[in-house]
PDB file of N, CA and C in Angstrom:
ATOM      1  N   MET A   1       0.873  -1.155  -0.103  1.00  0.00           N
ATOM      2  CA  MET A   1       0.108   0.175   0.083  1.00  0.00           C
ATOM      3  C   MET A   1       0.812   1.367  -0.035  1.00  0.00           C
ATOM      4  N   ASN A   2       0.735   2.076  -0.885  1.00  0.00           N
ATOM      5  CA  ASN A   2       1.428   3.508  -0.899  1.00  0.00           C
ATOM      6  C   ASN A   2       1.306   4.110   0.197  1.00  0.00           C
ATOM      7  N   LYS A   3       2.655   4.392   0.940  1.00  0.00           N
ATOM      8  CA  LYS A   3       2.178   5.432   2.717  1.00  0.00           C
ATOM      9  C   LYS A   3       2.278   6.650   2.315  1.00  0.00           C
ATOM     10  N   ASN A   4       1.707   7.474   1.013  1.00  0.00           N
ATOM     11  CA  ASN A   4       1.274   8.745   0.734  1.00  0.00           C
ATOM     12  C   ASN A   4       0.010   8.873   0.970  1.00  0.00           C
ATOM     13  N   ILE A   5      -0.597   7.807   1.191  1.00  0.00           N
ATOM     14  CA  ILE A   5      -2.559   8.173   1.344  1.00  0.00           C
ATOM     15  C   ILE A   5      -2.478   8.494   2.336  1.00  0.00           C
ATOM     16  N   SER A   6      -3.859   9.120   2.693  1.00  0.00           N
ATOM     17  CA  SER A   6      -4.170   9.594   3.939  1.00  0.00           C
ATOM     18  C   SER A   6      -4.704   8.131   4.980  1.00  0.00           C
ATOM     19  N   LYS A   7      -4.484   8.473   6.091  1.00  0.00           N
ATOM     20  CA  LYS A   7      -5.309   7.616   6.942  1.00  0.00           C
ATOM     21  C   LYS A   7      -6.551   7.025   6.580  1.00  0.00           C
ATOM     22  N   GLN A   8      -7.520   8.254   6.214  1.00  0.00           N
ATOM     23  CA  GLN A   8      -9.021   8.122   5.637  1.00  0.00           C
ATOM     24  C   GLN A   8      -9.207   7.114   4.682  1.00  0.00           C
ATOM     25  N   GLU A   9      -7.858   7.140   3.616  1.00  0.00           N
ATOM     26  CA  GLU A   9      -7.921   6.495   2.651  1.00  0.00           C
ATOM     27  C   GLU A   9      -7.388   5.049   2.605  1.00  0.00           C
ATOM     28  N   ARG A  10      -6.779   4.814   3.902  1.00  0.00           N
ATOM     29  CA  ARG A  10      -6.229   3.481   4.430  1.00  0.00           C
ATOM     30  C   ARG A  10      -7.495   2.796   4.832  1.00  0.00           C
ATOM     31  N   ILE A  11      -8.239   3.625   5.546  1.00  0.00           N
ATOM     32  CA  ILE A  11      -9.220   2.888   6.136  1.00  0.00           C
ATOM     33  C   ILE A  11     -10.280   2.384   5.234  1.00  0.00           C
ATOM     34  N   LEU A  12     -10.642   3.301   4.306  1.00  0.00           N
ATOM     35  CA  LEU A  12     -11.750   3.004   3.241  1.00  0.00           C
ATOM     36  C   LEU A  12     -11.213   1.831   2.637  1.00  0.00           C
ATOM     37  N   PHE A  13     -10.248   1.763   2.189  1.00  0.00           N
ATOM     38  CA  PHE A  13      -9.294   0.783   1.297  1.00  0.00           C
ATOM     39  C   PHE A  13      -9.759  -0.603   2.717  1.00  0.00           C
ATOM     40  N   ILE A  14      -9.543  -0.544   3.886  1.00  0.00           N
ATOM     41  CA  ILE A  14      -9.694  -1.926   4.538  1.00  0.00           C
ATOM     42  C   ILE A  14     -11.098  -2.026   4.712  1.00  0.00           C
ATOM     43  N   VAL A  15     -12.286  -0.884   4.284  1.00  0.00           N
ATOM     44  CA  VAL A  15     -13.650  -0.924   4.257  1.00  0.00           C
ATOM     45  C   VAL A  15     -13.843  -1.894   3.506  1.00  0.00           C
ATOM     46  N   ASP A  16     -13.225  -1.520   2.185  1.00  0.00           N
ATOM     47  CA  ASP A  16     -13.960  -2.148   0.984  1.00  0.00           C
ATOM     48  C   ASP A  16     -13.366  -3.788   1.007  1.00  0.00           C
ATOM     49  N   ALA A  17     -11.894  -4.127   1.502  1.00  0.00           N
ATOM     50  CA  ALA A  17     -11.676  -5.194   1.468  1.00  0.00           C
ATOM     51  C   ALA A  17     -12.727  -6.016   2.963  1.00  0.00           C
ATOM     52  N   ILE A  18     -12.859  -5.243   3.968  1.00  0.00           N
ATOM     53  CA  ILE A  18     -13.748  -6.625   4.876  1.00  0.00           C
ATOM     54  C   ILE A  18     -14.922  -6.565   3.842  1.00  0.00           C
ATOM     55  N   MET A  19     -15.725  -5.604   3.360  1.00  0.00           N
ATOM     56  CA  MET A  19     -17.023  -5.755   2.529  1.00  0.00           C
ATOM     57  C   MET A  19     -16.949  -6.904   1.654  1.00  0.00           C
ATOM     58  N   GLU A  20     -15.751  -6.855   0.786  1.00  0.00           N
ATOM     59  CA  GLU A  20     -15.496  -7.825  -0.439  1.00  0.00           C
ATOM     60  C   GLU A  20     -15.438  -9.389   0.197  1.00  0.00           C
ATOM     61  N   ASN A  21     -14.742  -9.353   1.409  1.00  0.00           N
ATOM     62  CA  ASN A  21     -14.193 -10.611   2.046  1.00  0.00           C
ATOM     63  C   ASN A  21     -15.586 -11.479   3.081  1.00  0.00           C
ATOM     64  N   GLY A  22     -16.399 -10.622   3.012  1.00  0.00           N
ATOM     65  CA  GLY A  22     -17.614 -10.916   4.121  1.00  0.00           C
ATOM     66  C   GLY A  22     -17.068 -11.333   5.425  1.00  0.00           C
ATOM     67  N   VAL A  23     -15.981 -10.320   5.930  1.00  0.00           N
ATOM     68  CA  VAL A  23     -15.838 -10.466   7.471  1.00  0.00           C
ATOM     69  C   VAL A  23     -16.983 -10.313   8.266  1.00  0.00           C
ATOM     70  N   CYS A  24     -18.196  -9.246   7.635  1.00  0.00           N
ATOM     71  CA  CYS A  24     -19.124  -8.725   8.621  1.00  0.00           C
ATOM     72  C   CYS A  24     -19.900 -10.312   8.906  1.00  0.00           C
ATOM     73  N   SER A  25     -19.956 -11.111   8.507  1.00  0.00           N
ATOM     74  CA  SER A  25     -20.492 -12.588   8.220  1.00  0.00           C
ATOM     75  C   SER A  25     -20.580 -13.075   9.815  1.00  0.00           C
ATOM     76  N   SER A  26     -19.368 -12.817  10.537  1.00  0.00           N
ATOM     77  CA  SER A  26     -19.102 -13.408  11.684  1.00  0.00           C
ATOM     78  C   SER A  26     -19.774 -12.705  12.622  1.00  0.00           C
ATOM     79  N   LYS A  27     -20.474 -13.518  13.480  1.00  0.00           N
ATOM     80  CA  LYS A  27     -21.395 -13.121  14.635  1.00  0.00           C
ATOM     81  C   LYS A  27     -20.624 -12.183  15.725  1.00  0.00           C
ATOM     82  N   ASN A  28     -19.329 -12.293  15.869  1.00  0.00           N
ATOM     83  CA  ASN A  28     -18.589 -11.491  16.662  1.00  0.00           C
ATOM     84  C   ASN A  28     -18.279 -10.283  16.258  1.00  0.00           C
ATOM     85  N   PHE A  29     -18.324  -9.872  14.953  1.00  0.00           N
ATOM     86  CA  PHE A  29     -17.949  -8.715  14.261  1.00  0.00           C
ATOM     87  C   PHE A  29     -18.705  -7.882  14.695  1.00  0.00           C
ATOM     88  N   ASN A  30     -18.156  -6.633  15.379  1.00  0.00           N
ATOM     89  CA  ASN A  30     -18.935  -5.400  15.639  1.00  0.00           C
ATOM     90  C   ASN A  30     -18.006  -4.206  15.719  1.00  0.00           C
ATOM     91  N   ARG A  31     -18.968  -3.470  16.100  1.00  0.00           N
ATOM     92  CA  ARG A  31     -17.949  -2.206  15.789  1.00  0.00           C
ATOM     93  C   ARG A  31     -16.619  -1.448  16.683  1.00  0.00           C
ATOM     94  N   LYS A  32     -16.101  -2.390  17.519  1.00  0.00           N
ATOM     95  CA  LYS A  32     -15.143  -2.420  17.987  1.00  0.00           C
ATOM     96  C   LYS A  32     -14.304  -3.434  17.103  1.00  0.00           C
ATOM     97  N   ALA A  33     -14.264  -4.284  16.682  1.00  0.00           N
ATOM     98  CA  ALA A  33     -13.835  -5.173  16.238  1.00  0.00           C
ATOM     99  C   ALA A  33     -13.351  -4.547  14.773  1.00  0.00           C
ATOM    100  N   PHE A  34     -14.102  -4.087  14.552  1.00  0.00           N
ATOM    101  CA  PHE A  34     -14.270  -3.463  13.207  1.00  0.00           C
ATOM    102  C   PHE A  34     -13.329  -2.163  12.965  1.00  0.00           C
ATOM    103  N   ALA A  35     -13.307  -1.826  14.052  1.00  0.00           N
ATOM    104  CA  ALA A  35     -12.111  -0.319  14.381  1.00  0.00           C
ATOM    105  C   ALA A  35     -10.755  -0.877  14.353  1.00  0.00           C
ATOM    106  N   ASP A  36     -11.059  -1.789  15.435  1.00  0.00           N
ATOM    107  CA  ASP A  36      -9.291  -2.197  15.652  1.00  0.00           C
ATOM    108  C   ASP A  36      -8.980  -2.724  13.950  1.00  0.00           C
ATOM    109  N   LEU A  37      -9.935  -3.496  13.349  1.00  0.00           N
ATOM    110  CA  LEU A  37      -9.199  -3.638  12.146  1.00  0.00           C
ATOM    111  C   LEU A  37      -9.011  -2.852  11.365  1.00  0.00           C
ATOM    112  N   CYS A  38      -9.338  -1.551  11.275  1.00  0.00           N
ATOM    113  CA  CYS A  38      -9.271  -0.250  10.690  1.00  0.00           C
ATOM    114  C   CYS A  38      -7.663   0.503  11.014  1.00  0.00           C
ATOM    115  N   GLY A  39      -7.681  -0.188  12.435  1.00  0.00           N
ATOM    116  CA  GLY A  39      -6.717   0.802  13.221  1.00  0.00           C
ATOM    117  C   GLY A  39      -7.015   2.222  13.610  1.00  0.00           C
ATOM    118  N   CYS A  40      -8.085   2.376  14.320  1.00  0.00           N
ATOM    119  CA  CYS A  40      -8.796   3.950  14.588  1.00  0.00           C
ATOM    120  C   CYS A  40      -9.453   3.598  15.477  1.00  0.00           C
ATOM    121  N   THR A  41     -10.124   4.541  16.366  1.00  0.00           N
ATOM    122  CA  THR A  41     -11.098   4.142  17.096  1.00  0.00           C
ATOM    123  C   THR A  41     -12.567   4.261  16.647  1.00  0.00           C
ATOM    124  N   PRO A  42     -13.402   3.505  17.465  1.00  0.00           N
ATOM    125  CA  PRO A  42     -14.866   3.217  16.765  1.00  0.00           C
ATOM    126  C   PRO A  42     -15.796   4.774  16.286  1.00  0.00           C
ATOM    127  N   THR A  43     -15.296   5.963  16.915  1.00  0.00           N
ATOM    128  CA  THR A  43     -15.429   7.263  17.009  1.00  0.00           C
ATOM    129  C   THR A  43     -15.216   7.542  15.706  1.00  0.00           C
ATOM    130  N   PHE A  44     -14.050   7.415  15.390  1.00  0.00           N
ATOM    131  CA  PHE A  44     -13.583   8.229  14.100  1.00  0.00           C
ATOM    132  C   PHE A  44     -14.063   7.719  12.860  1.00  0.00           C
ATOM    133  N   LEU A  45     -14.042   5.740  13.131  1.00  0.00           N
ATOM    134  CA  LEU A  45     -14.618   4.866  11.903  1.00  0.00           C
ATOM    135  C   LEU A  45     -16.301   5.598  11.658  1.00  0.00           C
ATOM    136  N   ASP A  46     -16.314   5.871  12.920  1.00  0.00           N
ATOM    137  CA  ASP A  46     -18.442   5.784  12.837  1.00  0.00           C
ATOM    138  C   ASP A  46     -18.458   7.492  11.550  1.00  0.00           C
ATOM    139  N   SER A  47     -17.377   8.110  11.899  1.00  0.00           N
ATOM    140  CA  SER A  47     -17.636   9.544  11.626  1.00  0.00           C
ATOM    141  C   SER A  47     -16.888   9.574   9.977  1.00  0.00           C
ATOM    142  N   LEU A  48     -15.876   8.547   9.837  1.00  0.00           N
ATOM    143  CA  LEU A  48     -15.477   8.567   8.559  1.00  0.00           C
ATOM    144  C   LEU A  48     -16.640   7.846   7.818  1.00  0.00           C
ATOM    145  N   LEU A  49     -17.301   6.635   8.132  1.00  0.00           N
ATOM    146  CA  LEU A  49     -18.192   6.096   7.520  1.00  0.00           C
ATOM    147  C   LEU A  49     -19.182   6.585   7.320  1.00  0.00           C
ATOM    148  N   PHE A  50     -19.886   7.687   8.166  1.00  0.00           N
ATOM    149  CA  PHE A  50     -21.404   8.744   7.858  1.00  0.00           C
ATOM    150  C   PHE A  50     -20.739   9.519   6.839  1.00  0.00           C
ATOM    151  N   GLU A  51     -19.353   9.721   6.803  1.00  0.00           N
ATOM    152  CA  GLU A  51     -19.394  10.955   5.547  1.00  0.00           C
ATOM    153  C   GLU A  51     -19.435  10.341   4.466  1.00  0.00           C
ATOM    154  N   GLU A  52     -18.712   9.171   4.230  1.00  0.00           N
ATOM    155  CA  GLU A  52     -18.455   8.177   2.978  1.00  0.00           C
ATOM    156  C   GLU A  52     -20.224   7.581   2.729  1.00  0.00           C
ATOM    157  N   THR A  53     -20.601   7.068   3.406  1.00  0.00           N
ATOM    158  CA  THR A  53     -21.659   6.203   3.385  1.00  0.00           C
ATOM    159  C   THR A  53     -23.155   6.404   3.618  1.00  0.00           C
ATOM    160  N   GLY A  54     -23.028   7.199   4.797  1.00  0.00           N
ATOM    161  CA  GLY A  54     -24.637   8.286   5.180  1.00  0.00           C
ATOM    162  C   GLY A  54     -25.034   7.020   6.472  1.00  0.00           C
ATOM    163  N   TYR A  55     -23.911   5.782   7.010  1.00  0.00           N
ATOM    164  CA  TYR A  55     -24.111   4.944   7.725  1.00  0.00           C
ATOM    165  C   TYR A  55     -23.157   5.179   8.696  1.00  0.00           C
ATOM    166  N   ASN A  56     -23.279   4.704  10.144  1.00  0.00           N
ATOM    167  CA  ASN A  56     -22.353   4.883  11.098  1.00  0.00           C
ATOM    168  C   ASN A  56     -21.847   3.075  11.030  1.00  0.00           C
ATOM    169  N   VAL A  57     -20.907   2.912  11.914  1.00  0.00           N
ATOM    170  CA  VAL A  57     -20.417   1.559  11.644  1.00  0.00           C
ATOM    171  C   VAL A  57     -21.545   0.353  11.739  1.00  0.00           C
ATOM    172  N   SER A  58     -22.542   0.716  12.711  1.00  0.00           N
ATOM    173  CA  SER A  58     -23.482  -0.651  12.927  1.00  0.00           C
ATOM    174  C   SER A  58     -24.413  -0.880  12.000  1.00  0.00           C
ATOM    175  N   GLY A  59     -24.439   0.597  11.304  1.00  0.00           N
ATOM    176  CA  GLY A  59     -25.529   0.477  10.196  1.00  0.00           C
ATOM    177  C   GLY A  59     -24.616   0.109   9.123  1.00  0.00           C
ATOM    178  N   PHE A  60     -23.259   0.112   8.708  1.00  0.00           N
ATOM    179  CA  PHE A  60     -22.430  -0.501   7.893  1.00  0.00           C
ATOM    180  C   PHE A  60     -22.571  -1.981   8.143  1.00  0.00           C
ATOM    181  N   ILE A  61     -22.262  -2.588   9.101  1.00  0.00           N
ATOM    182  CA  ILE A  61     -22.278  -3.643   9.459  1.00  0.00           C
ATOM    183  C   ILE A  61     -23.340  -4.406   9.204  1.00  0.00           C
ATOM    184  N   ALA A  62     -24.528  -3.904   9.169  1.00  0.00           N
ATOM    185  CA  ALA A  62     -25.836  -4.239   9.163  1.00  0.00           C
ATOM    186  C   ALA A  62     -26.202  -4.598   7.549  1.00  0.00           C
ATOM    187  N   MET A  63     -26.101  -3.218   6.869  1.00  0.00           N
ATOM    188  CA  MET A  63     -25.872  -3.379   5.439  1.00  0.00           C
ATOM    189  C   MET A  63     -25.103  -4.891   4.981  1.00  0.00           C
ATOM    190  N   CYS A  64     -23.800  -4.655   5.306  1.00  0.00           N
ATOM    191  CA  CYS A  64     -23.163  -5.795   4.726  1.00  0.00           C
ATOM    192  C   CYS A  64     -23.844  -7.031   4.969  1.00  0.00           C
ATOM    193  N   ARG A  65     -24.012  -7.167   6.151  1.00  0.00           N
ATOM    194  CA  ARG A  65     -25.106  -8.614   6.376  1.00  0.00           C
ATOM    195  C   ARG A  65     -26.044  -8.919   5.603  1.00  0.00           C
ATOM    196  N   ILE A  66     -26.872  -7.824   5.570  1.00  0.00           N
ATOM    197  CA  ILE A  66     -27.985  -7.702   4.621  1.00  0.00           C
ATOM    198  C   ILE A  66     -27.714  -8.243   2.764  1.00  0.00           C
ATOM    199  N   TYR A  67     -26.547  -7.730   2.750  1.00  0.00           N
ATOM    200  CA  TYR A  67     -26.199  -8.046   1.070  1.00  0.00           C
ATOM    201  C   TYR A  67     -25.406  -9.682   1.060  1.00  0.00           C
ATOM    202  N   ILE A  68     -24.671  -9.986   2.027  1.00  0.00           N
ATOM    203  CA  ILE A  68     -24.488 -11.094   2.410  1.00  0.00           C
ATOM    204  C   ILE A  68     -25.667 -12.159   1.921  1.00  0.00           C
ATOM    205  N   MET A  69     -26.697 -12.035   3.016  1.00  0.00           N
ATOM    206  CA  MET A  69     -27.888 -12.705   3.019  1.00  0.00           C
ATOM    207  C   MET A  69     -28.852 -12.781   1.669  1.00  0.00           C
ATOM    208  N   LYS A  70     -28.911 -11.348   0.997  1.00  0.00           N
ATOM    209  CA  LYS A  70     -29.286 -11.279  -0.264  1.00  0.00           C
ATOM    210  C   LYS A  70     -28.373 -12.198  -1.331  1.00  0.00           C
ATOM    211  N   ARG A  71     -27.067 -12.674  -1.458  1.00  0.00           N
ATOM    212  CA  ARG A  71     -26.327 -12.975  -2.018  1.00  0.00           C
ATOM    213  C   ARG A  71     -27.119 -14.845  -1.912  1.00  0.00           C
ATOM    214  N   LEU A  72     -26.889 -15.041  -0.812  1.00  0.00           N
ATOM    215  CA  LEU A  72     -27.195 -16.308  -0.187  1.00  0.00           C
ATOM    216  C   LEU A  72     -28.199 -17.120  -0.814  1.00  0.00           C
ATOM    217  N   LEU A  73     -29.439 -15.993  -0.745  1.00  0.00           N
ATOM    218  CA  LEU A  73     -30.709 -16.320  -1.103  1.00  0.00           C
ATOM    219  C   LEU A  73     -30.858 -16.480  -2.568  1.00  0.00           C
ATOM    220  N   LEU A  74     -30.211 -15.509  -3.204  1.00  0.00           N
ATOM    221  CA  LEU A  74     -30.279 -15.708  -4.679  1.00  0.00           C
ATOM    222  C   LEU A  74     -29.284 -16.661  -5.218  1.00  0.00           C
ATOM    223  N   ALA A  75     -28.537 -17.423  -4.581  1.00  0.00           N
ATOM    224  CA  ALA A  75     -27.481 -18.263  -4.959  1.00  0.00           C
ATOM    225  C   ALA A  75     -28.193 -19.489  -4.573  1.00  0.00           C
ATOM    226  N   GLY A  76     -29.485 -19.537  -3.955  1.00  0.00           N
ATOM    227  CA  GLY A  76     -30.376 -20.858  -3.406  1.00  0.00           C
ATOM    228  C   GLY A  76     -30.353 -21.375  -2.173  1.00  0.00           C
ATOM    229  N   ALA A  77     -29.580 -20.762  -0.985  1.00  0.00           N
ATOM    230  CA  ALA A  77     -29.800 -20.678   0.356  1.00  0.00           C
ATOM    231  C   ALA A  77     -31.342 -20.816   0.809  1.00  0.00           C
ATOM    232  N   ASP A  78     -31.537 -21.535   1.636  1.00  0.00           N
ATOM    233  CA  ASP A  78     -32.794 -21.660   2.803  1.00  0.00           C
ATOM    234  C   ASP A  78     -32.496 -20.414   3.544  1.00  0.00           C
ATOM    235  N   TYR A  79     -33.808 -19.669   3.938  1.00  0.00           N
ATOM    236  CA  TYR A  79     -33.684 -18.581   4.743  1.00  0.00           C
ATOM    237  C   TYR A  79     -32.955 -19.113   5.902  1.00  0.00           C
ATOM    238  N   LYS A  80     -33.273 -20.026   6.862  1.00  0.00           N
ATOM    239  CA  LYS A  80     -32.283 -20.136   8.021  1.00  0.00           C
ATOM    240  C   LYS A  80     -30.836 -20.116   7.986  1.00  0.00           C
ATOM    241  N   THR A  81     -30.260 -20.979   7.005  1.00  0.00           N
ATOM    242  CA  THR A  81     -29.198 -21.098   6.561  1.00  0.00           C
ATOM    243  C   THR A  81     -28.604 -19.824   6.282  1.00  0.00           C
ATOM    244  N   ALA A  82     -29.317 -19.199   5.237  1.00  0.00           N
ATOM    245  CA  ALA A  82     -28.810 -17.384   4.755  1.00  0.00           C
ATOM    246  C   ALA A  82     -28.693 -16.836   6.292  1.00  0.00           C
ATOM    247  N   LEU A  83     -29.512 -16.760   7.058  1.00  0.00           N
ATOM    248  CA  LEU A  83     -30.046 -15.998   8.092  1.00  0.00           C
ATOM    249  C   LEU A  83     -28.516 -16.108   9.063  1.00  0.00           C
ATOM    250  N   LYS A  84     -28.271 -17.516   9.160  1.00  0.00           N
ATOM    251  CA  LYS A  84     -26.915 -18.093  10.271  1.00  0.00           C
ATOM    252  C   LYS A  84     -25.809 -17.731   9.125  1.00  0.00           C
ATOM    253  N   SER A  85     -25.917 -17.726   8.117  1.00  0.00           N
ATOM    254  CA  SER A  85     -24.424 -17.626   7.045  1.00  0.00           C
ATOM    255  C   SER A  85     -24.013 -16.213   7.070  1.00  0.00           C
ATOM    256  N   SER A  86     -25.007 -15.313   7.554  1.00  0.00           N
ATOM    257  CA  SER A  86     -25.227 -14.091   7.054  1.00  0.00           C
ATOM    258  C   SER A  86     -24.484 -13.253   8.199  1.00  0.00           C
ATOM    259  N   GLY A  87     -24.483 -13.606   9.504  1.00  0.00           N
ATOM    260  CA  GLY A  87     -23.989 -13.033  10.810  1.00  0.00           C
ATOM    261  C   GLY A  87     -24.970 -12.451  11.480  1.00  0.00           C
ATOM    262  N   PHE A  88     -26.370 -12.413  11.057  1.00  0.00           N
ATOM    263  CA  PHE A  88     -27.357 -12.585  12.325  1.00  0.00           C
ATOM    264  C   PHE A  88     -27.768 -13.235  13.081  1.00  0.00           C
ATOM    265  N   ARG A  89     -27.462 -12.521  14.367  1.00  0.00           N
ATOM    266  CA  ARG A  89     -27.837 -14.013  15.921  1.00  0.00           C
ATOM    267  C   ARG A  89     -29.398 -14.124  15.800  1.00  0.00           C
ATOM    268  N   SER A  90     -30.278 -13.277  14.989  1.00  0.00           N
ATOM    269  CA  SER A  90     -31.888 -13.661  14.976  1.00  0.00           C
ATOM    270  C   SER A  90     -32.582 -13.112  14.186  1.00  0.00           C
ATOM    271  N   HIS A  91     -33.682 -13.951  13.625  1.00  0.00           N
ATOM    272  CA  HIS A  91     -34.600 -13.094  13.006  1.00  0.00           C
ATOM    273  C   HIS A  91     -34.986 -11.309  13.417  1.00  0.00           C
ATOM    274  N   CYS A  92     -35.352 -11.270  14.668  1.00  0.00           N
ATOM    275  CA  CYS A  92     -35.159 -10.243  15.505  1.00  0.00           C
ATOM    276  C   CYS A  92     -34.060  -9.012  14.697  1.00  0.00           C
ATOM    277  N   ARG A  93     -32.763  -9.584  14.963  1.00  0.00           N
ATOM    278  CA  ARG A  93     -31.570  -8.699  14.470  1.00  0.00           C
ATOM    279  C   ARG A  93     -31.807  -8.346  13.318  1.00  0.00           C
ATOM    280  N   LEU A  94     -32.270  -9.328  12.351  1.00  0.00           N
ATOM    281  CA  LEU A  94     -32.276  -8.912  10.771  1.00  0.00           C
ATOM    282  C   LEU A  94     -33.319  -7.822  10.619  1.00  0.00           C
ATOM    283  N   GLU A  95     -34.307  -8.225  11.289  1.00  0.00           N
ATOM    284  CA  GLU A  95     -35.380  -7.187  11.309  1.00  0.00           C
ATOM    285  C   GLU A  95     -35.140  -5.719  11.634  1.00  0.00           C
ATOM    286  N   ARG A  96     -34.373  -5.993  12.814  1.00  0.00           N
ATOM    287  CA  ARG A  96     -33.950  -4.526  13.438  1.00  0.00           C
ATOM    288  C   ARG A  96     -32.776  -3.644  11.868  1.00  0.00           C
ATOM    289  N   ALA A  97     -31.801  -4.856  11.357  1.00  0.00           N
ATOM    290  CA  ALA A  97     -31.038  -3.666  10.486  1.00  0.00           C
ATOM    291  C   ALA A  97     -32.271  -3.668   9.475  1.00  0.00           C
ATOM    292  N   LEU A  98     -32.941  -4.136   9.229  1.00  0.00           N
ATOM    293  CA  LEU A  98     -33.664  -3.861   7.845  1.00  0.00           C
ATOM    294  C   LEU A  98     -34.675  -2.472   8.248  1.00  0.00           C
ATOM    295  N   ASP A  99     -35.138  -2.417   9.401  1.00  0.00           N
ATOM    296  CA  ASP A  99     -35.607  -1.066   9.733  1.00  0.00           C
ATOM    297  C   ASP A  99     -34.491  -0.019   9.950  1.00  0.00           C
ATOM    298  N   TYR A 100     -33.447  -0.305  10.386  1.00  0.00           N
ATOM    299  CA  TYR A 100     -32.207   0.951   9.880  1.00  0.00           C
ATOM    300  C   TYR A 100     -31.956   1.355   8.907  1.00  0.00           C
ATOM    301  N   ILE A 101     -31.564   0.258   7.769  1.00  0.00           N
ATOM    302  CA  ILE A 101     -31.799   0.405   6.747  1.00  0.00           C
ATOM    303  C   ILE A 101     -32.323   1.534   5.827  1.00  0.00           C
ATOM    304  N   VAL A 102     -33.485   0.825   6.042  1.00  0.00           N
ATOM    305  CA  VAL A 102     -34.997   1.298   5.288  1.00  0.00           C
ATOM    306  C   VAL A 102     -35.187   2.869   6.021  1.00  0.00           C
ATOM    307  N   ILE A 103     -35.288   2.837   6.967  1.00  0.00           N
ATOM    308  CA  ILE A 103     -35.866   4.224   7.257  1.00  0.00           C
ATOM    309  C   ILE A 103     -34.871   5.259   7.676  1.00  0.00           C
TER     310      ILE A 103
END
């Protein structure tokens, strides 16, 4: 990675890699784990993601999990498998994520 890029650009590069590789599908992946991977504080990551995407870290993780679940369902996975494999702990958490993303 080029050393001349800004901290924000490095973090956004990591965010892209996280989304591409489905890291969000781990049930243990949360705001703090995300910030740790990016090498910054959760608060800094919240503001950067909000500036770039309109979502805070929790919303971004929810969006990634919904995207993973959609891909699994389109590939033919049944609902329970897709729910479990996308990182949601329960149907209730999926509904909460959908409310957060849609509203």
